[in-house]
PDB file of N, CA and C in Angstrom:
ATOM      1  N   MET A   1       9.922  98.599  81.998  1.00  0.00           N
ATOM      2  CA  MET A   1       9.523  98.803  80.616  1.00  0.00           C
ATOM      3  C   MET A   1      10.405  97.940  79.722  1.00  0.00           C
ATOM      4  N   LYS A   2       9.789  97.260  78.791  1.00  0.00           N
ATOM      5  CA  LYS A   2      10.526  96.352  77.919  1.00  0.00           C
ATOM      6  C   LYS A   2      11.265  97.130  76.839  1.00  0.00           C
ATOM      7  N   SER A   3      12.418  96.625  76.517  1.00  0.00           N
ATOM      8  CA  SER A   3      13.173  97.264  75.446  1.00  0.00           C
ATOM      9  C   SER A   3      12.547  96.896  74.104  1.00  0.00           C
ATOM     10  N   LEU A   4      12.912  97.635  73.089  1.00  0.00           N
ATOM     11  CA  LEU A   4      12.387  97.360  71.756  1.00  0.00           C
ATOM     12  C   LEU A   4      12.801  95.974  71.272  1.00  0.00           C
ATOM     13  N   THR A   5      13.990  95.555  71.640  1.00  0.00           N
ATOM     14  CA  THR A   5      14.463  94.232  71.240  1.00  0.00           C
ATOM     15  C   THR A   5      13.595  93.145  71.855  1.00  0.00           C
ATOM     16  N   GLU A   6      13.276  93.281  73.128  1.00  0.00           N
ATOM     17  CA  GLU A   6      12.419  92.297  73.792  1.00  0.00           C
ATOM     18  C   GLU A   6      11.025  92.277  73.171  1.00  0.00           C
ATOM     19  N   GLN A   7      10.482  93.451  72.870  1.00  0.00           N
ATOM     20  CA  GLN A   7       9.172  93.521  72.236  1.00  0.00           C
ATOM     21  C   GLN A   7       9.196  92.855  70.865  1.00  0.00           C
ATOM     22  N   TYR A   8      10.271  93.096  70.117  1.00  0.00           N
ATOM     23  CA  TYR A   8      10.408  92.495  68.793  1.00  0.00           C
ATOM     24  C   TYR A   8      10.483  90.976  68.899  1.00  0.00           C
ATOM     25  N   VAL A   9      11.271  90.487  69.838  1.00  0.00           N
ATOM     26  CA  VAL A   9      11.415  89.041  70.020  1.00  0.00           C
ATOM     27  C   VAL A   9      10.073  88.420  70.391  1.00  0.00           C
ATOM     28  N   GLN A  10       9.337  89.053  71.275  1.00  0.00           N
ATOM     29  CA  GLN A  10       8.026  88.533  71.664  1.00  0.00           C
ATOM     30  C   GLN A  10       7.049  88.549  70.487  1.00  0.00           C
ATOM     31  N   ALA A  11       7.086  89.610  69.704  1.00  0.00           N
ATOM     32  CA  ALA A  11       6.197  89.696  68.544  1.00  0.00           C
ATOM     33  C   ALA A  11       6.530  88.614  67.525  1.00  0.00           C
ATOM     34  N   ARG A  12       7.813  88.391  67.272  1.00  0.00           N
ATOM     35  CA  ARG A  12       8.226  87.342  66.321  1.00  0.00           C
ATOM     36  C   ARG A  12       7.839  85.965  66.847  1.00  0.00           C
ATOM     37  N   ARG A  13       7.988  85.757  68.139  1.00  0.00           N
ATOM     38  CA  ARG A  13       7.614  84.476  68.739  1.00  0.00           C
ATOM     39  C   ARG A  13       6.112  84.239  68.557  1.00  0.00           C
ATOM     40  N   ARG A  14       5.317  85.267  68.768  1.00  0.00           N
ATOM     41  CA  ARG A  14       3.864  85.141  68.608  1.00  0.00           C
ATOM     42  C   ARG A  14       3.493  84.842  67.152  1.00  0.00           C
ATOM     43  N   VAL A  15       4.165  85.477  66.222  1.00  0.00           N
ATOM     44  CA  VAL A  15       3.908  85.214  64.802  1.00  0.00           C
ATOM     45  C   VAL A  15       4.206  83.758  64.477  1.00  0.00           C
ATOM     46  N   MET A  16       5.307  83.248  64.980  1.00  0.00           N
ATOM     47  CA  MET A  16       5.665  81.851  64.727  1.00  0.00           C
ATOM     48  C   MET A  16       4.656  80.908  65.387  1.00  0.00           C
ATOM     49  N   GLU A  17       4.192  81.242  66.584  1.00  0.00           N
ATOM     50  CA  GLU A  17       3.180  80.425  67.260  1.00  0.00           C
ATOM     51  C   GLU A  17       1.884  80.395  66.447  1.00  0.00           C
ATOM     52  N   LEU A  18       1.495  81.544  65.896  1.00  0.00           N
ATOM     53  CA  LEU A  18       0.283  81.598  65.081  1.00  0.00           C
ATOM     54  C   LEU A  18       0.429  80.768  63.811  1.00  0.00           C
ATOM     55  N   LYS A  19       1.625  80.788  63.221  1.00  0.00           N
ATOM     56  CA  LYS A  19       1.859  79.967  62.029  1.00  0.00           C
ATOM     57  C   LYS A  19       1.705  78.489  62.360  1.00  0.00           C
ATOM     58  N   VAL A  20       2.246  78.075  63.487  1.00  0.00           N
ATOM     59  CA  VAL A  20       2.140  76.676  63.899  1.00  0.00           C
ATOM     60  C   VAL A  20       0.682  76.323  64.182  1.00  0.00           C
ATOM     61  N   GLU A  21      -0.030  77.210  64.878  1.00  0.00           N
ATOM     62  CA  GLU A  21      -1.448  76.968  65.168  1.00  0.00           C
ATOM     63  C   GLU A  21      -2.247  76.828  63.876  1.00  0.00           C
ATOM     64  N   THR A  22      -1.963  77.681  62.899  1.00  0.00           N
ATOM     65  CA  THR A  22      -2.663  77.624  61.623  1.00  0.00           C
ATOM     66  C   THR A  22      -2.385  76.317  60.906  1.00  0.00           C
ATOM     67  N   GLN A  23      -1.130  75.878  60.925  1.00  0.00           N
ATOM     68  CA  GLN A  23      -0.786  74.605  60.288  1.00  0.00           C
ATOM     69  C   GLN A  23      -1.512  73.447  60.968  1.00  0.00           C
ATOM     70  N   LYS A  24      -1.579  73.484  62.291  1.00  0.00           N
ATOM     71  CA  LYS A  24      -2.296  72.432  63.020  1.00  0.00           C
ATOM     72  C   LYS A  24      -3.781  72.457  62.680  1.00  0.00           C
ATOM     73  N   ASP A  25      -4.360  73.664  62.616  1.00  0.00           N
ATOM     74  CA  ASP A  25      -5.778  73.796  62.268  1.00  0.00           C
ATOM     75  C   ASP A  25      -6.058  73.231  60.877  1.00  0.00           C
ATOM     76  N   LYS A  26      -5.170  73.545  59.929  1.00  0.00           N
ATOM     77  CA  LYS A  26      -5.346  73.036  58.569  1.00  0.00           C
ATOM     78  C   LYS A  26      -5.272  71.519  58.539  1.00  0.00           C
ATOM     79  N   ALA A  27      -4.333  70.956  59.279  1.00  0.00           N
ATOM     80  CA  ALA A  27      -4.188  69.498  59.305  1.00  0.00           C
ATOM     81  C   ALA A  27      -5.420  68.844  59.928  1.00  0.00           C
ATOM     82  N   LYS A  28      -5.908  69.420  61.016  1.00  0.00           N
ATOM     83  CA  LYS A  28      -7.110  68.874  61.660  1.00  0.00           C
ATOM     84  C   LYS A  28      -8.320  68.988  60.739  1.00  0.00           C
ATOM     85  N   ALA A  29      -8.451  70.121  60.071  1.00  0.00           N
ATOM     86  CA  ALA A  29      -9.586  70.324  59.169  1.00  0.00           C
ATOM     87  C   ALA A  29      -9.534  69.341  58.007  1.00  0.00           C
ATOM     88  N   ALA A  30      -8.352  69.133  57.456  1.00  0.00           N
ATOM     89  CA  ALA A  30      -8.213  68.201  56.337  1.00  0.00           C
ATOM     90  C   ALA A  30      -8.553  66.780  56.769  1.00  0.00           C
ATOM     91  N   ALA A  31      -8.092  66.382  57.930  1.00  0.00           N
ATOM     92  CA  ALA A  31      -8.381  65.031  58.429  1.00  0.00           C
ATOM     93  C   ALA A  31      -9.874  64.860  58.692  1.00  0.00           C
ATOM     94  N   ALA A  32     -10.492  65.864  59.290  1.00  0.00           N
ATOM     95  CA  ALA A  32     -11.925  65.787  59.581  1.00  0.00           C
ATOM     96  C   ALA A  32     -12.738  65.748  58.290  1.00  0.00           C
ATOM     97  N   ARG A  33     -12.359  66.584  57.318  1.00  0.00           N
ATOM     98  CA  ARG A  33     -13.066  66.580  56.036  1.00  0.00           C
ATOM     99  C   ARG A  33     -12.955  65.230  55.353  1.00  0.00           C
ATOM    100  N   LYS A  34     -11.764  64.662  55.369  1.00  0.00           N
ATOM    101  CA  LYS A  34     -11.558  63.360  54.729  1.00  0.00           C
ATOM    102  C   LYS A  34     -12.417  62.294  55.409  1.00  0.00           C
ATOM    103  N   GLN A  35     -12.444  62.317  56.720  1.00  0.00           N
ATOM    104  CA  GLN A  35     -13.237  61.342  57.472  1.00  0.00           C
ATOM    105  C   GLN A  35     -14.731  61.494  57.166  1.00  0.00           C
ATOM    106  N   HIS A  36     -15.232  62.724  57.160  1.00  0.00           N
ATOM    107  CA  HIS A  36     -16.651  62.954  56.887  1.00  0.00           C
ATOM    108  C   HIS A  36     -16.999  62.607  55.440  1.00  0.00           C
ATOM    109  N   ALA A  37     -16.114  62.952  54.511  1.00  0.00           N
ATOM    110  CA  ALA A  37     -16.366  62.625  53.107  1.00  0.00           C
ATOM    111  C   ALA A  37     -16.420  61.114  52.912  1.00  0.00           C
ATOM    112  N   THR A  38     -15.507  60.398  53.544  1.00  0.00           N
ATOM    113  CA  THR A  38     -15.506  58.935  53.450  1.00  0.00           C
ATOM    114  C   THR A  38     -16.791  58.366  54.032  1.00  0.00           C
ATOM    115  N   SER A  39     -17.207  58.899  55.160  1.00  0.00           N
ATOM    116  CA  SER A  39     -18.438  58.440  55.802  1.00  0.00           C
ATOM    117  C   SER A  39     -19.644  58.672  54.890  1.00  0.00           C
ATOM    118  N   MET A  40     -19.730  59.849  54.304  1.00  0.00           N
ATOM    119  CA  MET A  40     -20.848  60.161  53.407  1.00  0.00           C
ATOM    120  C   MET A  40     -20.831  59.259  52.174  1.00  0.00           C
ATOM    121  N   ARG A  41     -19.655  59.041  51.632  1.00  0.00           N
ATOM    122  CA  ARG A  41     -19.520  58.180  50.456  1.00  0.00           C
ATOM    123  C   ARG A  41     -19.979  56.761  50.781  1.00  0.00           C
ATOM    124  N   GLN A  42     -19.607  56.260  51.951  1.00  0.00           N
ATOM    125  CA  GLN A  42     -19.982  54.907  52.357  1.00  0.00           C
ATOM    126  C   GLN A  42     -21.486  54.794  52.600  1.00  0.00           C
ATOM    127  N   GLN A  43     -22.107  55.888  52.997  1.00  0.00           N
ATOM    128  CA  GLN A  43     -23.549  55.875  53.253  1.00  0.00           C
ATOM    129  C   GLN A  43     -24.360  56.060  51.971  1.00  0.00           C
ATOM    130  N   GLY A  44     -23.657  56.258  50.853  1.00  0.00           N
ATOM    131  CA  GLY A  44     -24.352  56.383  49.574  1.00  0.00           C
ATOM    132  C   GLY A  44     -24.682  57.800  49.161  1.00  0.00           C
ATOM    133  N   PHE A  45     -23.921  58.759  49.638  1.00  0.00           N
ATOM    134  CA  PHE A  45     -24.130  60.152  49.260  1.00  0.00           C
ATOM    135  C   PHE A  45     -22.867  60.704  48.597  1.00  0.00           C
ATOM    136  N   PRO A  46     -22.569  60.293  47.359  1.00  0.00           N
ATOM    137  CA  PRO A  46     -21.330  60.739  46.717  1.00  0.00           C
ATOM    138  C   PRO A  46     -21.284  62.247  46.460  1.00  0.00           C
ATOM    139  N   ALA A  47     -22.436  62.851  46.149  1.00  0.00           N
ATOM    140  CA  ALA A  47     -22.446  64.297  45.907  1.00  0.00           C
ATOM    141  C   ALA A  47     -22.113  65.061  47.187  1.00  0.00           C
ATOM    142  N   MET A  48     -22.657  64.614  48.307  1.00  0.00           N
ATOM    143  CA  MET A  48     -22.365  65.255  49.592  1.00  0.00           C
ATOM    144  C   MET A  48     -20.893  65.072  49.945  1.00  0.00           C
ATOM    145  N   ALA A  49     -20.357  63.893  49.646  1.00  0.00           N
ATOM    146  CA  ALA A  49     -18.940  63.643  49.915  1.00  0.00           C
ATOM    147  C   ALA A  49     -18.069  64.574  49.087  1.00  0.00           C
ATOM    148  N   ALA A  50     -18.443  64.803  47.828  1.00  0.00           N
ATOM    149  CA  ALA A  50     -17.682  65.719  46.974  1.00  0.00           C
ATOM    150  C   ALA A  50     -17.761  67.142  47.508  1.00  0.00           C
ATOM    151  N   LEU A  51     -18.932  67.521  48.001  1.00  0.00           N
ATOM    152  CA  LEU A  51     -19.100  68.864  48.569  1.00  0.00           C
ATOM    153  C   LEU A  51     -18.228  69.043  49.807  1.00  0.00           C
ATOM    154  N   ILE A  52     -18.245  68.068  50.688  1.00  0.00           N
ATOM    155  CA  ILE A  52     -17.424  68.138  51.901  1.00  0.00           C
ATOM    156  C   ILE A  52     -15.947  68.187  51.536  1.00  0.00           C
ATOM    157  N   GLY A  53     -15.557  67.399  50.551  1.00  0.00           N
ATOM    158  CA  GLY A  53     -14.158  67.384  50.128  1.00  0.00           C
ATOM    159  C   GLY A  53     -13.704  68.683  49.504  1.00  0.00           C
ATOM    160  N   SER A  54     -14.649  69.493  49.016  1.00  0.00           N
ATOM    161  CA  SER A  54     -14.281  70.745  48.357  1.00  0.00           C
ATOM    162  C   SER A  54     -14.265  71.944  49.303  1.00  0.00           C
ATOM    163  N   LEU A  55     -14.572  71.726  50.564  1.00  0.00           N
ATOM    164  CA  LEU A  55     -14.575  72.842  51.517  1.00  0.00           C
ATOM    165  C   LEU A  55     -13.182  73.445  51.639  1.00  0.00           C
ATOM    166  N   PRO A  56     -13.088  74.740  51.897  1.00  0.00           N
ATOM    167  CA  PRO A  56     -11.777  75.393  51.973  1.00  0.00           C
ATOM    168  C   PRO A  56     -10.962  74.923  53.170  1.00  0.00           C
ATOM    169  N   LEU A  57      -9.650  74.954  52.985  1.00  0.00           N
ATOM    170  CA  LEU A  57      -8.741  74.542  54.049  1.00  0.00           C
ATOM    171  C   LEU A  57      -8.452  75.651  55.044  1.00  0.00           C
ATOM    172  N   GLU A  58      -8.674  76.882  54.646  1.00  0.00           N
ATOM    173  CA  GLU A  58      -8.305  78.001  55.505  1.00  0.00           C
ATOM    174  C   GLU A  58      -9.204  78.062  56.733  1.00  0.00           C
ATOM    175  N   PRO A  59      -8.627  78.009  57.931  1.00  0.00           N
ATOM    176  CA  PRO A  59      -9.431  78.147  59.144  1.00  0.00           C
ATOM    177  C   PRO A  59      -9.889  79.597  59.318  1.00  0.00           C
ATOM    178  N   ASP A  60     -10.969  79.775  59.976  1.00  0.00           N
ATOM    179  CA  ASP A  60     -11.529  81.097  60.207  1.00  0.00           C
ATOM    180  C   ASP A  60     -10.800  81.757  61.378  1.00  0.00           C
ATOM    181  N   ALA A  61     -10.155  82.871  61.108  1.00  0.00           N
ATOM    182  CA  ALA A  61      -9.386  83.567  62.149  1.00  0.00           C
ATOM    183  C   ALA A  61     -10.294  84.057  63.275  1.00  0.00           C
ATOM    184  N   LYS A  62     -11.495  84.503  62.951  1.00  0.00           N
ATOM    185  CA  LYS A  62     -12.420  84.978  63.982  1.00  0.00           C
ATOM    186  C   LYS A  62     -12.836  83.830  64.899  1.00  0.00           C
ATOM    187  N   ALA A  63     -13.026  82.659  64.305  1.00  0.00           N
ATOM    188  CA  ALA A  63     -13.394  81.501  65.123  1.00  0.00           C
ATOM    189  C   ALA A  63     -12.256  81.145  66.065  1.00  0.00           C
ATOM    190  N   ARG A  64     -11.031  81.211  65.580  1.00  0.00           N
ATOM    191  CA  ARG A  64      -9.878  80.888  66.422  1.00  0.00           C
ATOM    192  C   ARG A  64      -9.803  81.855  67.595  1.00  0.00           C
ATOM    193  N   GLU A  65     -10.000  83.138  67.337  1.00  0.00           N
ATOM    194  CA  GLU A  65      -9.955  84.134  68.408  1.00  0.00           C
ATOM    195  C   GLU A  65     -11.091  83.902  69.406  1.00  0.00           C
ATOM    196  N   TYR A  66     -12.260  83.547  68.902  1.00  0.00           N
ATOM    197  CA  TYR A  66     -13.394  83.281  69.789  1.00  0.00           C
ATOM    198  C   TYR A  66     -13.077  82.123  70.729  1.00  0.00           C
ATOM    199  N   PHE A  67     -12.585  81.011  70.186  1.00  0.00           N
ATOM    200  CA  PHE A  67     -12.304  79.851  71.020  1.00  0.00           C
ATOM    201  C   PHE A  67     -11.137  80.114  71.966  1.00  0.00           C
ATOM    202  N   ARG A  68     -10.174  80.906  71.534  1.00  0.00           N
ATOM    203  CA  ARG A  68      -9.062  81.261  72.411  1.00  0.00           C
ATOM    204  C   ARG A  68      -9.580  82.088  73.587  1.00  0.00           C
ATOM    205  N   SER A  69     -10.520  82.999  73.327  1.00  0.00           N
ATOM    206  CA  SER A  69     -11.057  83.825  74.414  1.00  0.00           C
ATOM    207  C   SER A  69     -11.913  82.989  75.364  1.00  0.00           C
ATOM    208  N   GLN A  70     -12.553  81.936  74.857  1.00  0.00           N
ATOM    209  CA  GLN A  70     -13.363  81.069  75.708  1.00  0.00           C
ATOM    210  C   GLN A  70     -12.500  80.241  76.656  1.00  0.00           C
ATOM    211  N   GLN A  71     -11.279  79.926  76.233  1.00  0.00           N
ATOM    212  CA  GLN A  71     -10.379  79.132  77.066  1.00  0.00           C
ATOM    213  C   GLN A  71      -9.785  79.957  78.192  1.00  0.00           C
ATOM    214  N   ALA A  72      -9.666  81.259  77.977  1.00  0.00           N
ATOM    215  CA  ALA A  72      -9.032  82.131  78.974  1.00  0.00           C
ATOM    216  C   ALA A  72      -9.909  82.384  80.161  1.00  0.00           C
TER     217      ALA A  72
END
């Protein structure tokens, strides 16, 4: 049986891992949005590019859990 200290350390480690994953997700989303917006702008769709650029940065937590479960 794990001690409370070990459980706490594992929980804190998981929280930090989730923070890093979220930061990576945000960076990937921002890069993808920028790329798609640029592509739309170059194709002559400035309104669509503005719409893509305005999408929220926050990744969907449910989607992350779904993809994590698919990998397991």
